[in-house]
Amino acid sequence: MDKYEFFKKQVYSLTGIDLSSYKEKQMKRRIQSLLTRNKFIDFDDYFDGLKSNTKLFNEFINYLTINVSEFFRNQTQWEVLEKDILPELIKNNKKLNIWSSACSTGEEPYTLVMLLTRFFKLSEINILATDIDLGAIEKAKSGIYNEKSLQNVPNDLKDKYFERIGNSYKIHQSIKDCVQFSKIDLLKDRYPQNCNLILCRNVLIYFTEEAKVNIYKRFHDSLSNDGILFVGSTEQIIMPEKYNLKSAKTFFYKKSF
């Protein structure tokens, strides 16, 4: 067994994260750059460091889970959600059950809450937001973001729901109160059920084909009968019928039977 294979087994025993489900070339390159940056000799040496150094361990988890996000990321897709997808869902459901399944540092679920205020009162909005990275979830709960991450936020929403603090922006408590954060590993944990809308954007590109097949099938099972899966701009599903899904709009897939 080579050192990277052994490293993967050790990481799984330490964290429960299965690196075998991620594309090996990309993941190995990412970890190698961390290892080199921190001046470790090899994977064995680096793993010893992860076990003994909390800061190093947290950096590894954060880097591994690829937390890159911004509000209204891929803006035109949010316009499709607002104009086409949400009105159709709302027509058939008085209350929407929504899951932001790889929420990173919170920009996505908070974007969704702000968008939903065009249809609902804040007291009627409740979103489940989950991620594998507890550090990202803690940052999401703090609700403080830099100016760049707000560049696509419409001015009316920016003025209404953010407070400027120095060079940063803090999202209003009224928006934060609409989101329930929790830890879910998409590869092994139980999924919520009867979701009218599931968002899983810009994360599946890092998984192997086998892992993606498993996740898509489980998303199908989690959707309500009229439920919609919203994926990222590089993640169009080839042959969605394999997973009993059908295209509703580009990047949006409806449950079928």
Protein backbone atom coordinates (compact mmCIF):
# COMPACT_ATOMS: atom_id res chain seq x y z
CA MET A 1 0.00 0.00 0.00
CA ASP A 2 1.47 3.37 -1.00
CA LYS A 3 1.68 6.24 1.46
CA TYR A 4 -1.31 8.15 0.06
CA GLU A 5 -3.56 5.08 0.26
CA PHE A 6 -2.52 4.58 3.89
CA PHE A 7 -3.04 8.30 4.54
CA LYS A 8 -6.63 8.02 3.22
CA LYS A 9 -7.34 5.16 5.63
CA GLN A 10 -5.87 7.11 8.55
CA VAL A 11 -7.89 10.24 7.67
CA TYR A 12 -11.07 8.15 7.54
CA SER A 13 -10.40 6.69 10.99
CA LEU A 14 -9.66 10.17 12.39
CA THR A 15 -12.39 12.25 10.72
CA GLY A 16 -14.93 9.89 9.12
CA ILE A 17 -14.26 11.60 5.77
CA ASP A 18 -13.74 9.08 2.96
CA LEU A 19 -11.18 10.56 0.57
CA SER A 20 -11.76 7.63 -1.80
CA SER A 21 -15.08 9.25 -2.80
CA TYR A 22 -13.30 12.38 -4.06
CA LYS A 23 -11.52 12.61 -7.41
CA GLU A 24 -8.06 11.35 -6.50
CA LYS A 25 -5.90 13.50 -8.77
CA GLN A 26 -7.49 16.76 -7.57
CA MET A 27 -7.61 15.80 -3.91
CA LYS A 28 -4.08 14.40 -3.79
CA ARG A 29 -2.77 17.60 -5.40
CA ARG A 30 -4.62 19.77 -2.87
CA ILE A 31 -3.30 17.79 0.08
CA GLN A 32 0.23 17.70 -1.34
CA SER A 33 0.25 21.50 -1.57
CA LEU A 34 -0.86 21.74 2.10
CA LEU A 35 1.78 19.24 3.12
CA THR A 36 4.53 21.18 1.30
CA ARG A 37 3.32 24.56 2.55
CA ASN A 38 3.56 23.32 6.13
CA LYS A 39 7.02 21.83 5.53
CA PHE A 40 6.19 18.16 6.13
CA ILE A 41 8.28 15.43 4.51
CA ASP A 42 5.52 13.05 3.38
CA PHE A 43 1.94 11.89 4.07
CA ASP A 44 2.94 9.92 7.19
CA ASP A 45 4.70 12.92 8.66
CA TYR A 46 1.76 15.18 7.80
CA PHE A 47 -0.80 12.86 9.41
CA ASP A 48 1.23 12.87 12.65
CA GLY A 49 1.00 16.67 12.53
CA LEU A 50 -2.78 16.57 11.98
CA LYS A 51 -3.23 14.38 15.07
CA SER A 52 -1.20 16.63 17.35
CA ASN A 53 -1.91 20.17 16.09
CA THR A 54 -5.49 21.50 16.25
CA LYS A 55 -4.75 24.51 14.04
CA LEU A 56 -3.23 22.25 11.38
CA PHE A 57 -6.19 19.87 11.61
CA ASN A 58 -8.75 22.68 11.19
CA GLU A 59 -6.82 24.07 8.22
CA PHE A 60 -6.84 20.59 6.64
CA ILE A 61 -10.62 20.15 7.07
CA ASN A 62 -11.35 23.63 5.77
CA TYR A 63 -9.11 23.16 2.74
CA LEU A 64 -10.50 19.71 2.09
CA THR A 65 -14.09 20.86 2.00
CA ILE A 66 -13.43 23.66 -0.49
CA ASN A 67 -15.36 26.55 1.04
CA VAL A 68 -15.69 29.03 -1.80
CA SER A 69 -18.96 30.92 -1.96
CA GLU A 70 -20.66 34.27 -2.48
CA PHE A 71 -24.19 35.67 -2.37
CA PHE A 72 -26.26 35.13 -5.55
CA ARG A 73 -23.44 33.08 -7.09
CA ASN A 74 -24.19 32.54 -10.82
CA GLN A 75 -26.79 35.29 -10.72
CA THR A 76 -28.84 34.28 -13.78
CA GLN A 77 -29.65 30.93 -12.14
CA TRP A 78 -31.12 32.74 -9.13
CA GLU A 79 -33.26 34.77 -11.55
CA VAL A 80 -34.62 31.52 -13.02
CA LEU A 81 -35.30 30.28 -9.49
CA GLU A 82 -37.20 33.49 -8.65
CA LYS A 83 -39.19 33.83 -11.88
CA ASP A 84 -39.90 30.22 -12.87
CA ILE A 85 -39.16 27.63 -10.21
CA LEU A 86 -40.38 29.21 -6.96
CA PRO A 87 -43.76 30.45 -8.32
CA GLU A 88 -44.52 26.93 -9.54
CA LEU A 89 -43.56 25.37 -6.20
CA ILE A 90 -45.52 27.99 -4.24
CA LYS A 91 -48.61 27.39 -6.40
CA ASN A 92 -48.73 23.82 -5.10
CA ASN A 93 -47.37 24.29 -1.56
CA LYS A 94 -48.36 26.85 1.07
CA LYS A 95 -45.07 26.25 2.89
CA LEU A 96 -41.79 25.15 1.31
CA ASN A 97 -39.47 22.56 2.83
CA ILE A 98 -35.99 23.62 1.63
CA TRP A 99 -32.57 22.06 2.13
CA SER A 100 -29.29 23.82 1.25
CA SER A 101 -27.17 20.67 1.29
CA ALA A 102 -23.59 21.97 1.04
CA CYS A 103 -24.05 25.41 2.52
CA SER A 104 -20.38 26.23 3.10
CA THR A 105 -20.14 29.56 4.97
CA GLY A 106 -23.82 30.43 4.63
CA GLU A 107 -24.05 32.68 1.58
CA GLU A 108 -26.34 30.25 -0.26
CA PRO A 109 -29.06 29.72 2.39
CA TYR A 110 -29.03 33.41 3.31
CA THR A 111 -29.40 34.30 -0.39
CA LEU A 112 -32.37 31.98 -0.52
CA VAL A 113 -34.02 33.59 2.50
CA MET A 114 -33.64 37.05 0.96
CA LEU A 115 -35.11 35.79 -2.32
CA LEU A 116 -38.02 34.16 -0.50
CA THR A 117 -38.91 37.46 1.18
CA ARG A 118 -40.30 38.45 -2.23
CA PHE A 119 -42.93 35.70 -1.72
CA PHE A 120 -43.27 35.11 2.04
CA LYS A 121 -43.08 36.89 5.36
CA LEU A 122 -39.82 36.19 7.22
CA SER A 123 -41.79 34.33 9.91
CA GLU A 124 -42.93 31.84 7.22
CA ILE A 125 -39.42 31.00 5.97
CA ASN A 126 -37.40 28.11 7.39
CA ILE A 127 -34.39 26.57 5.63
CA LEU A 128 -32.22 23.64 6.69
CA ALA A 129 -28.58 24.36 5.78
CA THR A 130 -25.97 21.63 6.18
CA ASP A 131 -22.27 21.08 5.54
CA ILE A 132 -19.60 18.57 6.52
CA ASP A 133 -17.31 21.33 7.85
CA LEU A 134 -18.20 22.56 11.34
CA GLY A 135 -15.79 25.49 10.95
CA ALA A 136 -17.70 26.69 7.89
CA ILE A 137 -20.98 26.32 9.77
CA GLU A 138 -19.67 28.43 12.65
CA LYS A 139 -18.66 31.16 10.18
CA ALA A 140 -22.12 30.94 8.61
CA LYS A 141 -23.74 31.38 12.02
CA SER A 142 -21.66 34.52 12.66
CA GLY A 143 -23.08 36.04 9.46
CA ILE A 144 -20.14 38.37 8.77
CA TYR A 145 -18.87 38.68 5.18
CA ASN A 146 -16.43 40.73 3.13
CA GLU A 147 -17.49 43.20 0.47
CA LYS A 148 -16.52 40.94 -2.45
CA SER A 149 -18.95 38.22 -1.38
CA LEU A 150 -21.81 40.76 -1.59
CA GLN A 151 -21.03 42.03 -5.10
CA ASN A 152 -24.11 40.37 -6.66
CA VAL A 153 -26.61 41.27 -3.94
CA PRO A 154 -29.36 43.58 -5.30
CA ASN A 155 -29.12 47.03 -3.69
CA ASP A 156 -32.59 46.87 -2.14
CA LEU A 157 -31.70 43.64 -0.32
CA LYS A 158 -28.22 44.86 0.61
CA ASP A 159 -29.64 48.03 2.16
CA LYS A 160 -32.40 46.19 3.96
CA TYR A 161 -30.62 43.13 5.32
CA PHE A 162 -26.94 44.03 5.89
CA GLU A 163 -25.18 46.31 8.35
CA ARG A 164 -21.75 47.64 7.47
CA ILE A 165 -19.09 47.06 10.14
CA GLY A 166 -15.74 48.52 9.06
CA ASN A 167 -14.78 46.74 5.84
CA SER A 168 -17.23 43.89 6.48
CA TYR A 169 -20.97 43.36 6.38
CA LYS A 170 -23.13 41.63 8.97
CA ILE A 171 -26.38 40.03 7.88
CA HIS A 172 -29.45 40.90 9.93
CA GLN A 173 -30.60 38.58 12.68
CA SER A 174 -34.03 38.39 11.02
CA ILE A 175 -32.42 36.53 8.08
CA LYS A 176 -30.25 34.35 10.31
CA ASP A 177 -33.30 33.29 12.31
CA CYS A 178 -34.77 31.66 9.17
CA VAL A 179 -31.88 29.19 8.79
CA GLN A 180 -31.20 26.10 10.87
CA PHE A 181 -27.60 24.88 10.49
CA SER A 182 -26.53 21.28 10.99
CA LYS A 183 -23.73 18.90 10.02
CA ILE A 184 -24.47 16.33 7.30
CA ASP A 185 -21.94 14.27 5.35
CA LEU A 186 -23.59 13.68 1.96
CA LEU A 187 -21.72 10.41 1.55
CA LYS A 188 -22.97 8.64 4.65
CA ASP A 189 -25.47 10.55 6.80
CA ARG A 190 -29.27 10.34 6.65
CA TYR A 191 -30.90 12.93 4.36
CA PRO A 192 -33.97 15.02 5.28
CA GLN A 193 -37.18 13.92 3.59
CA ASN A 194 -40.04 15.48 1.60
CA CYS A 195 -37.99 18.46 0.38
CA ASN A 196 -39.69 20.78 -2.11
CA LEU A 197 -36.31 22.25 -3.06
CA ILE A 198 -32.78 20.89 -2.59
CA LEU A 199 -29.74 22.99 -3.44
CA CYS A 200 -26.44 21.20 -4.06
CA ARG A 201 -24.22 23.56 -6.02
CA ASN A 202 -20.51 23.54 -6.90
CA VAL A 203 -19.58 20.58 -4.71
CA LEU A 204 -20.32 17.39 -6.68
CA ILE A 205 -17.60 18.22 -9.22
CA TYR A 206 -15.10 17.07 -6.58
CA PHE A 207 -16.66 13.61 -6.13
CA THR A 208 -16.05 10.41 -8.09
CA GLU A 209 -18.72 9.24 -10.54
CA GLU A 210 -19.67 6.40 -8.18
CA ALA A 211 -20.18 8.81 -5.28
CA LYS A 212 -22.24 11.16 -7.47
CA VAL A 213 -24.56 8.35 -8.60
CA ASN A 214 -25.22 7.48 -4.97
CA ILE A 215 -25.87 11.12 -4.01
CA TYR A 216 -28.22 11.79 -6.94
CA LYS A 217 -30.28 8.71 -6.09
CA ARG A 218 -30.52 9.80 -2.47
CA PHE A 219 -31.51 13.33 -3.50
CA HIS A 220 -34.32 11.82 -5.59
CA ASP A 221 -35.57 9.93 -2.54
CA SER A 222 -35.42 13.12 -0.45
CA LEU A 223 -37.52 15.20 -2.84
CA SER A 224 -41.27 15.66 -2.47
CA ASN A 225 -43.38 14.49 -5.41
CA ASP A 226 -43.09 17.91 -7.09
CA GLY A 227 -39.62 18.62 -5.68
CA ILE A 228 -36.77 20.36 -7.51
CA LEU A 229 -32.99 19.77 -7.31
CA PHE A 230 -30.89 22.89 -8.06
CA VAL A 231 -27.27 22.13 -9.07
CA GLY A 232 -24.21 24.24 -9.86
CA SER A 233 -23.16 25.82 -13.15
CA THR A 234 -20.60 23.08 -13.91
CA GLU A 235 -22.79 20.20 -12.75
CA GLN A 236 -25.47 19.55 -15.36
CA ILE A 237 -26.72 15.99 -14.92
CA ILE A 238 -26.14 13.79 -17.96
CA MET A 239 -29.11 11.46 -18.51
CA PRO A 240 -31.08 12.58 -15.42
CA GLU A 241 -33.66 9.85 -16.11
CA LYS A 242 -31.12 7.37 -14.67
CA TYR A 243 -31.96 8.90 -11.28
CA ASN A 244 -35.71 9.35 -11.97
CA LEU A 245 -35.17 13.07 -12.52
CA LYS A 246 -36.11 15.22 -15.50
CA SER A 247 -34.90 18.66 -16.57
CA ALA A 248 -37.18 21.51 -15.47
CA LYS A 249 -34.81 24.32 -16.53
CA THR A 250 -31.05 24.35 -17.08
CA PHE A 251 -29.49 23.38 -13.70
CA PHE A 252 -32.91 22.51 -12.26
CA TYR A 253 -34.25 18.96 -12.11
CA LYS A 254 -37.71 17.75 -11.17
CA LYS A 255 -38.51 14.46 -9.51
CA SER A 256 -40.11 11.91 -11.82
CA PHE A 257 -41.23 8.33 -11.28
